[in-house]
All heavy atoms as atom14 arrays in JSON, in Angstrom:
{
  "sequence": "ARRQIENTVKEKQKLFQEDNGLPIHLKGGSKDALLYRATITLTVFGAA",
  "atom14_mask": [
    [1, 1, 1, 1, 1, 0, 0, 0, 0, 0, 0, 0, 0, 0],
    [1, 1, 1, 1, 1, 1, 1, 1, 1, 1, 1, 0, 0, 0],
    [1, 1, 1, 1, 1, 1, 1, 1, 1, 1, 1, 0, 0, 0],
    [1, 1, 1, 1, 1, 1, 1, 1, 1, 0, 0, 0, 0, 0],
    [1, 1, 1, 1, 1, 1, 1, 1, 0, 0, 0, 0, 0, 0],
    [1, 1, 1, 1, 1, 1, 1, 1, 1, 0, 0, 0, 0, 0],
    [1, 1, 1, 1, 1, 1, 1, 1, 0, 0, 0, 0, 0, 0],
    [1, 1, 1, 1, 1, 1, 1, 0, 0, 0, 0, 0, 0, 0],
    [1, 1, 1, 1, 1, 1, 1, 0, 0, 0, 0, 0, 0, 0],
    [1, 1, 1, 1, 1, 1, 1, 1, 1, 0, 0, 0, 0, 0],
    [1, 1, 1, 1, 1, 1, 1, 1, 1, 0, 0, 0, 0, 0],
    [1, 1, 1, 1, 1, 1, 1, 1, 1, 0, 0, 0, 0, 0],
    [1, 1, 1, 1, 1, 1, 1, 1, 1, 0, 0, 0, 0, 0],
    [1, 1, 1, 1, 1, 1, 1, 1, 1, 0, 0, 0, 0, 0],
    [1, 1, 1, 1, 1, 1, 1, 1, 0, 0, 0, 0, 0, 0],
    [1, 1, 1, 1, 1, 1, 1, 1, 1, 1, 1, 0, 0, 0],
    [1, 1, 1, 1, 1, 1, 1, 1, 1, 0, 0, 0, 0, 0],
    [1, 1, 1, 1, 1, 1, 1, 1, 1, 0, 0, 0, 0, 0],
    [1, 1, 1, 1, 1, 1, 1, 1, 0, 0, 0, 0, 0, 0],
    [1, 1, 1, 1, 1, 1, 1, 1, 0, 0, 0, 0, 0, 0],
    [1, 1, 1, 1, 0, 0, 0, 0, 0, 0, 0, 0, 0, 0],
    [1, 1, 1, 1, 1, 1, 1, 1, 0, 0, 0, 0, 0, 0],
    [1, 1, 1, 1, 1, 1, 1, 0, 0, 0, 0, 0, 0, 0],
    [1, 1, 1, 1, 1, 1, 1, 1, 0, 0, 0, 0, 0, 0],
    [1, 1, 1, 1, 1, 1, 1, 1, 1, 1, 0, 0, 0, 0],
    [1, 1, 1, 1, 1, 1, 1, 1, 0, 0, 0, 0, 0, 0],
    [1, 1, 1, 1, 1, 1, 1, 1, 1, 0, 0, 0, 0, 0],
    [1, 1, 1, 1, 0, 0, 0, 0, 0, 0, 0, 0, 0, 0],
    [1, 1, 1, 1, 0, 0, 0, 0, 0, 0, 0, 0, 0, 0],
    [1, 1, 1, 1, 1, 1, 0, 0, 0, 0, 0, 0, 0, 0],
    [1, 1, 1, 1, 1, 1, 1, 1, 1, 0, 0, 0, 0, 0],
    [1, 1, 1, 1, 1, 1, 1, 1, 0, 0, 0, 0, 0, 0],
    [1, 1, 1, 1, 1, 0, 0, 0, 0, 0, 0, 0, 0, 0],
    [1, 1, 1, 1, 1, 1, 1, 1, 0, 0, 0, 0, 0, 0],
    [1, 1, 1, 1, 1, 1, 1, 1, 0, 0, 0, 0, 0, 0],
    [1, 1, 1, 1, 1, 1, 1, 1, 1, 1, 1, 1, 0, 0],
    [1, 1, 1, 1, 1, 1, 1, 1, 1, 1, 1, 0, 0, 0],
    [1, 1, 1, 1, 1, 0, 0, 0, 0, 0, 0, 0, 0, 0],
    [1, 1, 1, 1, 1, 1, 1, 0, 0, 0, 0, 0, 0, 0],
    [1, 1, 1, 1, 1, 1, 1, 1, 0, 0, 0, 0, 0, 0],
    [1, 1, 1, 1, 1, 1, 1, 0, 0, 0, 0, 0, 0, 0],
    [1, 1, 1, 1, 1, 1, 1, 1, 0, 0, 0, 0, 0, 0],
    [1, 1, 1, 1, 1, 1, 1, 0, 0, 0, 0, 0, 0, 0],
    [1, 1, 1, 1, 1, 1, 1, 0, 0, 0, 0, 0, 0, 0],
    [1, 1, 1, 1, 1, 1, 1, 1, 1, 1, 1, 0, 0, 0],
    [1, 1, 1, 1, 0, 0, 0, 0, 0, 0, 0, 0, 0, 0],
    [1, 1, 1, 1, 1, 0, 0, 0, 0, 0, 0, 0, 0, 0],
    [1, 1, 1, 1, 1, 0, 0, 0, 0, 0, 0, 0, 0, 0]
  ],
  "atom14_positions": [
    [[121.6, 3.59, -50.26], [120.34, 4.31, -49.99], [119.26, 3.3, -49.65], [119.03, 2.33, -50.35], [119.94, 5.12, -51.22], [0.0, 0.0, 0.0], [0.0, 0.0, 0.0], [0.0, 0.0, 0.0], [0.0, 0.0, 0.0], [0.0, 0.0, 0.0], [0.0, 0.0, 0.0], [0.0, 0.0, 0.0], [0.0, 0.0, 0.0], [0.0, 0.0, 0.0]],
    [[118.58, 3.56, -48.56], [117.49, 2.69, -48.15], [116.19, 3.22, -48.73], [115.93, 4.42, -48.73], [117.41, 2.64, -46.63], [118.59, 1.93, -46.04], [118.35, 1.61, -44.59], [119.43, 0.81, -44.07], [120.43, 1.28, -43.36], [120.49, 2.56, -43.08], [121.37, 0.49, -42.93], [0.0, 0.0, 0.0], [0.0, 0.0, 0.0], [0.0, 0.0, 0.0]],
    [[115.38, 2.32, -49.22], [114.1, 2.69, -49.8], [113.11, 3.04, -48.69], [112.95, 2.28, -47.74], [113.55, 1.52, -50.61], [112.84, 1.94, -51.84], [112.47, 0.76, -52.66], [111.46, -0.01, -51.96], [110.91, -1.1, -52.43], [111.31, -1.59, -53.57], [110.0, -1.74, -51.76], [0.0, 0.0, 0.0], [0.0, 0.0, 0.0], [0.0, 0.0, 0.0]],
    [[112.5, 4.17, -48.8], [111.53, 4.59, -47.81], [110.16, 4.02, -48.18], [109.7, 4.2, -49.29], [111.47, 6.12, -47.74], [112.74, 6.76, -47.25], [113.05, 6.41, -45.81], [112.15, 6.28, -45.0], [114.32, 6.25, -45.5], [0.0, 0.0, 0.0], [0.0, 0.0, 0.0], [0.0, 0.0, 0.0], [0.0, 0.0, 0.0], [0.0, 0.0, 0.0]],
    [[109.53, 3.34, -47.24], [108.22, 2.76, -47.46], [107.21, 3.6, -46.69], [107.4, 3.89, -45.5], [108.18, 1.3, -46.98], [109.19, 0.48, -47.77], [106.8, 0.72, -47.13], [109.35, -0.93, -47.3], [0.0, 0.0, 0.0], [0.0, 0.0, 0.0], [0.0, 0.0, 0.0], [0.0, 0.0, 0.0], [0.0, 0.0, 0.0], [0.0, 0.0, 0.0]],
    [[106.17, 3.99, -47.37], [105.15, 4.83, -46.74], [104.32, 3.99, -45.78], [103.9, 2.86, -46.09], [104.25, 5.42, -47.82], [103.24, 6.42, -47.28], [102.4, 7.03, -48.39], [102.88, 7.12, -49.52], [101.26, 7.39, -48.09], [0.0, 0.0, 0.0], [0.0, 0.0, 0.0], [0.0, 0.0, 0.0], [0.0, 0.0, 0.0], [0.0, 0.0, 0.0]],
    [[104.06, 4.53, -44.62], [103.27, 3.84, -43.61], [101.78, 3.98, -43.95], [101.24, 5.08, -43.97], [103.56, 4.44, -42.24], [102.95, 3.64, -41.12], [102.31, 2.62, -41.35], [103.15, 4.1, -39.91], [0.0, 0.0, 0.0], [0.0, 0.0, 0.0], [0.0, 0.0, 0.0], [0.0, 0.0, 0.0], [0.0, 0.0, 0.0], [0.0, 0.0, 0.0]],
    [[101.12, 2.87, -44.21], [99.7, 2.89, -44.59], [98.82, 2.23, -43.54], [97.68, 1.87, -43.84], [99.5, 2.17, -45.93], [99.95, 0.82, -45.81], [100.27, 2.87, -47.04], [0.0, 0.0, 0.0], [0.0, 0.0, 0.0], [0.0, 0.0, 0.0], [0.0, 0.0, 0.0], [0.0, 0.0, 0.0], [0.0, 0.0, 0.0], [0.0, 0.0, 0.0]],
    [[99.32, 2.08, -42.34], [98.55, 1.39, -41.3], [97.28, 2.16, -40.94], [96.21, 1.57, -40.81], [99.43, 1.16, -40.04], [98.62, 0.59, -38.9], [100.59, 0.25, -40.38], [0.0, 0.0, 0.0], [0.0, 0.0, 0.0], [0.0, 0.0, 0.0], [0.0, 0.0, 0.0], [0.0, 0.0, 0.0], [0.0, 0.0, 0.0], [0.0, 0.0, 0.0]],
    [[97.38, 3.46, -40.81], [96.2, 4.26, -40.44], [95.09, 4.13, -41.48], [93.92, 4.02, -41.15], [96.58, 5.74, -40.28], [97.47, 6.01, -39.11], [96.7, 5.94, -37.82], [97.61, 6.35, -36.68], [96.97, 6.15, -35.4], [0.0, 0.0, 0.0], [0.0, 0.0, 0.0], [0.0, 0.0, 0.0], [0.0, 0.0, 0.0], [0.0, 0.0, 0.0]],
    [[95.47, 4.14, -42.77], [94.47, 4.01, -43.83], [93.83, 2.63, -43.8], [92.62, 2.49, -43.98], [95.11, 4.27, -45.19], [95.59, 5.69, -45.34], [96.73, 5.8, -46.34], [97.03, 4.81, -47.02], [97.29, 6.89, -46.42], [0.0, 0.0, 0.0], [0.0, 0.0, 0.0], [0.0, 0.0, 0.0], [0.0, 0.0, 0.0], [0.0, 0.0, 0.0]],
    [[94.62, 1.6, -43.57], [94.08, 0.24, -43.47], [93.16, 0.1, -42.27], [92.14, -0.57, -42.33], [95.21, -0.79, -43.38], [96.03, -0.92, -44.62], [95.27, -1.64, -45.7], [96.17, -1.88, -46.88], [95.49, -2.5, -47.99], [0.0, 0.0, 0.0], [0.0, 0.0, 0.0], [0.0, 0.0, 0.0], [0.0, 0.0, 0.0], [0.0, 0.0, 0.0]],
    [[93.52, 0.73, -41.15], [92.67, 0.69, -39.97], [91.33, 1.33, -40.25], [90.28, 0.8, -39.87], [93.34, 1.39, -38.78], [94.43, 0.57, -38.15], [95.13, 1.33, -37.04], [95.05, 2.56, -36.95], [95.83, 0.6, -36.19], [0.0, 0.0, 0.0], [0.0, 0.0, 0.0], [0.0, 0.0, 0.0], [0.0, 0.0, 0.0], [0.0, 0.0, 0.0]],
    [[91.32, 2.47, -40.94], [90.06, 3.12, -41.29], [89.22, 2.23, -42.19], [88.01, 2.12, -42.01], [90.31, 4.45, -42.0], [90.77, 5.56, -41.1], [91.0, 6.83, -41.9], [91.6, 7.92, -41.05], [91.89, 9.13, -41.83], [0.0, 0.0, 0.0], [0.0, 0.0, 0.0], [0.0, 0.0, 0.0], [0.0, 0.0, 0.0], [0.0, 0.0, 0.0]],
    [[89.85, 1.59, -43.16], [89.15, 0.71, -44.08], [88.49, -0.45, -43.36], [87.31, -0.75, -43.6], [90.12, 0.18, -45.14], [89.57, -0.87, -46.09], [88.6, -0.22, -47.07], [90.69, -1.55, -46.83], [0.0, 0.0, 0.0], [0.0, 0.0, 0.0], [0.0, 0.0, 0.0], [0.0, 0.0, 0.0], [0.0, 0.0, 0.0], [0.0, 0.0, 0.0]],
    [[89.2, -1.08, -42.46], [88.67, -2.26, -41.79], [87.74, -1.92, -40.64], [86.96, -2.77, -40.21], [89.81, -3.16, -41.31], [90.43, -3.95, -42.42], [91.6, -3.53, -43.01], [89.84, -5.1, -42.89], [92.16, -4.24, -44.05], [90.39, -5.82, -43.92], [91.56, -5.39, -44.5], [0.0, 0.0, 0.0], [0.0, 0.0, 0.0], [0.0, 0.0, 0.0]],
    [[87.77, -0.7, -40.11], [86.91, -0.35, -38.98], [85.61, 0.32, -39.39], [84.7, 0.44, -38.58], [87.66, 0.56, -38.01], [88.73, -0.18, -37.24], [89.5, 0.73, -36.31], [89.32, 1.94, -36.31], [90.38, 0.14, -35.52], [0.0, 0.0, 0.0], [0.0, 0.0, 0.0], [0.0, 0.0, 0.0], [0.0, 0.0, 0.0], [0.0, 0.0, 0.0]],
    [[85.46, 0.74, -40.65], [84.23, 1.4, -41.05], [83.09, 0.38, -41.12], [83.28, -0.79, -41.43], [84.4, 2.12, -42.39], [84.55, 1.24, -43.58], [84.78, 2.03, -44.86], [85.29, 3.16, -44.79], [84.45, 1.51, -45.92], [0.0, 0.0, 0.0], [0.0, 0.0, 0.0], [0.0, 0.0, 0.0], [0.0, 0.0, 0.0], [0.0, 0.0, 0.0]],
    [[81.91, 0.84, -40.78], [80.74, -0.04, -40.72], [80.0, 0.02, -42.06], [79.19, 0.9, -42.3], [79.82, 0.41, -39.57], [78.68, -0.56, -39.35], [78.79, -1.71, -39.79], [77.68, -0.15, -38.74], [0.0, 0.0, 0.0], [0.0, 0.0, 0.0], [0.0, 0.0, 0.0], [0.0, 0.0, 0.0], [0.0, 0.0, 0.0], [0.0, 0.0, 0.0]],
    [[80.31, -0.92, -42.94], [79.65, -0.95, -44.24], [78.89, -2.25, -44.48], [78.48, -2.54, -45.58], [80.65, -0.71, -45.37], [81.81, -1.68, -45.34], [81.84, -2.59, -44.54], [82.77, -1.48, -46.21], [0.0, 0.0, 0.0], [0.0, 0.0, 0.0], [0.0, 0.0, 0.0], [0.0, 0.0, 0.0], [0.0, 0.0, 0.0], [0.0, 0.0, 0.0]],
    [[78.71, -3.05, -43.45], [77.92, -4.27, -43.55], [78.66, -5.47, -44.11], [78.07, -6.53, -44.24], [0.0, 0.0, 0.0], [0.0, 0.0, 0.0], [0.0, 0.0, 0.0], [0.0, 0.0, 0.0], [0.0, 0.0, 0.0], [0.0, 0.0, 0.0], [0.0, 0.0, 0.0], [0.0, 0.0, 0.0], [0.0, 0.0, 0.0], [0.0, 0.0, 0.0]],
    [[79.92, -5.32, -44.48], [80.68, -6.44, -45.01], [81.38, -7.19, -43.89], [81.82, -6.59, -42.91], [81.75, -5.95, -45.99], [81.28, -5.43, -47.34], [82.47, -4.87, -48.11], [80.63, -6.53, -48.13], [0.0, 0.0, 0.0], [0.0, 0.0, 0.0], [0.0, 0.0, 0.0], [0.0, 0.0, 0.0], [0.0, 0.0, 0.0], [0.0, 0.0, 0.0]],
    [[81.49, -8.51, -44.02], [82.29, -9.24, -43.04], [83.76, -8.87, -43.17], [84.21, -8.42, -44.23], [82.06, -10.72, -43.4], [81.36, -10.74, -44.7], [80.85, -9.37, -44.99], [0.0, 0.0, 0.0], [0.0, 0.0, 0.0], [0.0, 0.0, 0.0], [0.0, 0.0, 0.0], [0.0, 0.0, 0.0], [0.0, 0.0, 0.0], [0.0, 0.0, 0.0]],
    [[84.51, -9.06, -42.12], [85.89, -8.59, -42.06], [86.75, -9.26, -43.13], [87.66, -8.64, -43.66], [86.49, -8.8, -40.64], [87.81, -8.08, -40.47], [86.68, -10.27, -40.35], [87.71, -6.62, -40.43], [0.0, 0.0, 0.0], [0.0, 0.0, 0.0], [0.0, 0.0, 0.0], [0.0, 0.0, 0.0], [0.0, 0.0, 0.0], [0.0, 0.0, 0.0]],
    [[86.44, -10.51, -43.5], [87.29, -11.19, -44.47], [87.01, -10.75, -45.9], [87.69, -11.19, -46.82], [87.14, -12.72, -44.34], [85.76, -13.21, -44.53], [84.85, -13.25, -43.51], [85.12, -13.68, -45.63], [83.72, -13.73, -43.97], [83.84, -14.0, -45.25], [0.0, 0.0, 0.0], [0.0, 0.0, 0.0], [0.0, 0.0, 0.0], [0.0, 0.0, 0.0]],
    [[86.04, -9.86, -46.13], [85.75, -9.35, -47.46], [85.97, -7.84, -47.59], [85.72, -7.27, -48.64], [84.31, -9.68, -47.86], [83.99, -11.17, -48.0], [82.53, -11.36, -48.31], [84.85, -11.81, -49.04], [0.0, 0.0, 0.0], [0.0, 0.0, 0.0], [0.0, 0.0, 0.0], [0.0, 0.0, 0.0], [0.0, 0.0, 0.0], [0.0, 0.0, 0.0]],
    [[86.44, -7.2, -46.54], [86.61, -5.75, -46.58], [87.82, -5.31, -47.39], [87.97, -4.13, -47.68], [86.73, -5.19, -45.16], [85.4, -5.12, -44.45], [85.5, -4.33, -43.19], [84.12, -4.22, -42.56], [84.12, -3.33, -41.43], [0.0, 0.0, 0.0], [0.0, 0.0, 0.0], [0.0, 0.0, 0.0], [0.0, 0.0, 0.0], [0.0, 0.0, 0.0]],
    [[88.68, -6.22, -47.79], [89.86, -5.87, -48.56], [89.59, -5.59, -50.02], [90.45, -5.15, -50.74], [0.0, 0.0, 0.0], [0.0, 0.0, 0.0], [0.0, 0.0, 0.0], [0.0, 0.0, 0.0], [0.0, 0.0, 0.0], [0.0, 0.0, 0.0], [0.0, 0.0, 0.0], [0.0, 0.0, 0.0], [0.0, 0.0, 0.0], [0.0, 0.0, 0.0]],
    [[88.37, -5.88, -50.5], [88.03, -5.58, -51.88], [87.82, -6.83, -52.72], [87.54, -7.91, -52.21], [0.0, 0.0, 0.0], [0.0, 0.0, 0.0], [0.0, 0.0, 0.0], [0.0, 0.0, 0.0], [0.0, 0.0, 0.0], [0.0, 0.0, 0.0], [0.0, 0.0, 0.0], [0.0, 0.0, 0.0], [0.0, 0.0, 0.0], [0.0, 0.0, 0.0]],
    [[87.95, -6.65, -54.02], [87.66, -7.74, -54.95], [88.66, -8.88, -54.84], [88.32, -10.04, -55.07], [87.61, -7.21, -56.38], [88.85, -6.65, -56.72], [0.0, 0.0, 0.0], [0.0, 0.0, 0.0], [0.0, 0.0, 0.0], [0.0, 0.0, 0.0], [0.0, 0.0, 0.0], [0.0, 0.0, 0.0], [0.0, 0.0, 0.0], [0.0, 0.0, 0.0]],
    [[89.9, -8.57, -54.49], [90.9, -9.63, -54.33], [90.52, -10.55, -53.18], [90.65, -11.78, -53.3], [92.28, -9.01, -54.1], [93.4, -10.02, -54.11], [94.76, -9.38, -54.17], [95.13, -8.8, -52.83], [96.54, -8.4, -52.76], [0.0, 0.0, 0.0], [0.0, 0.0, 0.0], [0.0, 0.0, 0.0], [0.0, 0.0, 0.0], [0.0, 0.0, 0.0]],
    [[90.03, -9.99, -52.09], [89.59, -10.81, -50.97], [88.39, -11.67, -51.35], [88.3, -12.84, -50.97], [89.22, -9.94, -49.77], [90.44, -9.48, -49.0], [91.54, -10.0, -49.27], [90.29, -8.61, -48.13], [0.0, 0.0, 0.0], [0.0, 0.0, 0.0], [0.0, 0.0, 0.0], [0.0, 0.0, 0.0], [0.0, 0.0, 0.0], [0.0, 0.0, 0.0]],
    [[87.45, -11.1, -52.1], [86.28, -11.86, -52.53], [86.68, -13.01, -53.44], [86.16, -14.13, -53.32], [85.28, -10.94, -53.23], [0.0, 0.0, 0.0], [0.0, 0.0, 0.0], [0.0, 0.0, 0.0], [0.0, 0.0, 0.0], [0.0, 0.0, 0.0], [0.0, 0.0, 0.0], [0.0, 0.0, 0.0], [0.0, 0.0, 0.0], [0.0, 0.0, 0.0]],
    [[87.63, -12.76, -54.34], [88.09, -13.81, -55.25], [88.8, -14.92, -54.47], [88.56, -16.12, -54.72], [89.03, -13.21, -56.29], [89.58, -14.18, -57.32], [88.47, -14.69, -58.22], [90.64, -13.5, -58.15], [0.0, 0.0, 0.0], [0.0, 0.0, 0.0], [0.0, 0.0, 0.0], [0.0, 0.0, 0.0], [0.0, 0.0, 0.0], [0.0, 0.0, 0.0]],
    [[89.66, -14.56, -53.53], [90.34, -15.56, -52.72], [89.35, -16.36, -51.87], [89.5, -17.58, -51.71], [91.38, -14.89, -51.82], [92.64, -14.41, -52.51], [93.49, -13.61, -51.55], [93.43, -15.58, -53.05], [0.0, 0.0, 0.0], [0.0, 0.0, 0.0], [0.0, 0.0, 0.0], [0.0, 0.0, 0.0], [0.0, 0.0, 0.0], [0.0, 0.0, 0.0]],
    [[88.33, -15.7, -51.34], [87.32, -16.37, -50.54], [86.56, -17.39, -51.38], [86.36, -18.54, -50.98], [86.36, -15.33, -49.94], [85.21, -15.93, -49.18], [85.41, -16.53, -47.95], [83.93, -15.89, -49.7], [84.35, -17.08, -47.25], [82.86, -16.43, -49.02], [83.08, -17.03, -47.79], [82.03, -17.58, -47.11], [0.0, 0.0, 0.0], [0.0, 0.0, 0.0]],
    [[86.14, -16.98, -52.58], [85.38, -17.89, -53.44], [86.24, -19.06, -53.91], [85.77, -20.2, -53.98], [84.83, -17.13, -54.64], [83.69, -16.22, -54.25], [83.08, -15.55, -55.46], [82.05, -14.62, -55.04], [81.96, -13.38, -55.43], [82.84, -12.89, -56.28], [80.99, -12.6, -54.99], [0.0, 0.0, 0.0], [0.0, 0.0, 0.0], [0.0, 0.0, 0.0]],
    [[87.49, -18.81, -54.21], [88.39, -19.89, -54.62], [88.6, -20.88, -53.47], [88.6, -22.1, -53.69], [89.73, -19.31, -55.07], [0.0, 0.0, 0.0], [0.0, 0.0, 0.0], [0.0, 0.0, 0.0], [0.0, 0.0, 0.0], [0.0, 0.0, 0.0], [0.0, 0.0, 0.0], [0.0, 0.0, 0.0], [0.0, 0.0, 0.0], [0.0, 0.0, 0.0]],
    [[88.73, -20.38, -52.26], [88.91, -21.24, -51.1], [87.68, -22.1, -50.86], [87.79, -23.32, -50.62], [89.22, -20.41, -49.85], [90.37, -19.62, -50.1], [89.44, -21.28, -48.64], [0.0, 0.0, 0.0], [0.0, 0.0, 0.0], [0.0, 0.0, 0.0], [0.0, 0.0, 0.0], [0.0, 0.0, 0.0], [0.0, 0.0, 0.0], [0.0, 0.0, 0.0]],
    [[86.5, -21.49, -50.94], [85.26, -22.25, -50.74], [85.11, -23.31, -51.83], [84.74, -24.46, -51.55], [84.05, -21.3, -50.71], [84.13, -20.4, -49.48], [82.74, -22.06, -50.73], [84.13, -21.14, -48.16], [0.0, 0.0, 0.0], [0.0, 0.0, 0.0], [0.0, 0.0, 0.0], [0.0, 0.0, 0.0], [0.0, 0.0, 0.0], [0.0, 0.0, 0.0]],
    [[85.41, -22.95, -53.07], [85.28, -23.9, -54.18], [86.22, -25.09, -54.0], [85.82, -26.25, -54.16], [85.57, -23.19, -55.52], [84.69, -22.09, -55.65], [85.41, -24.13, -56.69], [0.0, 0.0, 0.0], [0.0, 0.0, 0.0], [0.0, 0.0, 0.0], [0.0, 0.0, 0.0], [0.0, 0.0, 0.0], [0.0, 0.0, 0.0], [0.0, 0.0, 0.0]],
    [[87.48, -24.81, -53.67], [88.43, -25.9, -53.45], [88.03, -26.77, -52.27], [88.21, -27.99, -52.31], [89.83, -25.32, -53.22], [90.53, -24.79, -54.46], [91.82, -24.08, -54.07], [90.83, -25.91, -55.43], [0.0, 0.0, 0.0], [0.0, 0.0, 0.0], [0.0, 0.0, 0.0], [0.0, 0.0, 0.0], [0.0, 0.0, 0.0], [0.0, 0.0, 0.0]],
    [[87.47, -26.17, -51.23], [87.04, -26.93, -50.06], [85.89, -27.87, -50.42], [85.89, -29.04, -50.03], [86.62, -25.98, -48.93], [87.72, -25.13, -48.61], [86.19, -26.74, -47.7], [0.0, 0.0, 0.0], [0.0, 0.0, 0.0], [0.0, 0.0, 0.0], [0.0, 0.0, 0.0], [0.0, 0.0, 0.0], [0.0, 0.0, 0.0], [0.0, 0.0, 0.0]],
    [[84.91, -27.36, -51.17], [83.76, -28.19, -51.55], [84.19, -29.34, -52.45], [83.82, -30.5, -52.23], [82.67, -27.32, -52.23], [81.62, -28.17, -52.89], [82.04, -26.39, -51.2], [0.0, 0.0, 0.0], [0.0, 0.0, 0.0], [0.0, 0.0, 0.0], [0.0, 0.0, 0.0], [0.0, 0.0, 0.0], [0.0, 0.0, 0.0], [0.0, 0.0, 0.0]],
    [[85.0, -29.04, -53.48], [85.46, -30.1, -54.37], [86.37, -31.09, -53.64], [86.31, -32.3, -53.9], [86.17, -29.52, -55.59], [85.22, -29.01, -56.62], [85.26, -27.69, -57.02], [84.28, -29.85, -57.21], [84.38, -27.21, -57.97], [83.4, -29.38, -58.16], [83.44, -28.06, -58.54], [0.0, 0.0, 0.0], [0.0, 0.0, 0.0], [0.0, 0.0, 0.0]],
    [[87.19, -30.61, -52.74], [88.06, -31.5, -51.97], [87.26, -32.42, -51.06], [87.55, -33.62, -50.97], [0.0, 0.0, 0.0], [0.0, 0.0, 0.0], [0.0, 0.0, 0.0], [0.0, 0.0, 0.0], [0.0, 0.0, 0.0], [0.0, 0.0, 0.0], [0.0, 0.0, 0.0], [0.0, 0.0, 0.0], [0.0, 0.0, 0.0], [0.0, 0.0, 0.0]],
    [[86.24, -31.88, -50.41], [85.4, -32.71, -49.54], [84.63, -33.75, -50.37], [84.5, -34.91, -49.96], [84.43, -31.83, -48.76], [0.0, 0.0, 0.0], [0.0, 0.0, 0.0], [0.0, 0.0, 0.0], [0.0, 0.0, 0.0], [0.0, 0.0, 0.0], [0.0, 0.0, 0.0], [0.0, 0.0, 0.0], [0.0, 0.0, 0.0], [0.0, 0.0, 0.0]],
    [[84.13, -33.35, -51.54], [83.42, -34.29, -52.4], [84.37, -35.4, -52.88], [83.97, -36.58, -52.93], [82.82, -33.56, -53.6], [0.0, 0.0, 0.0], [0.0, 0.0, 0.0], [0.0, 0.0, 0.0], [0.0, 0.0, 0.0], [0.0, 0.0, 0.0], [0.0, 0.0, 0.0], [0.0, 0.0, 0.0], [0.0, 0.0, 0.0], [0.0, 0.0, 0.0]]
  ]
}
């Protein structure tokens, strides 16, 4: 039996295309914001 995976592309398209004033790299929610902040922090400390 093959596992059926629900197609969520339409929902993701709606999420990323709505105009809510957020940049595209933060529209994924709190996980995106956390990854963004961690990346910036590592970049600053690495450059220093």
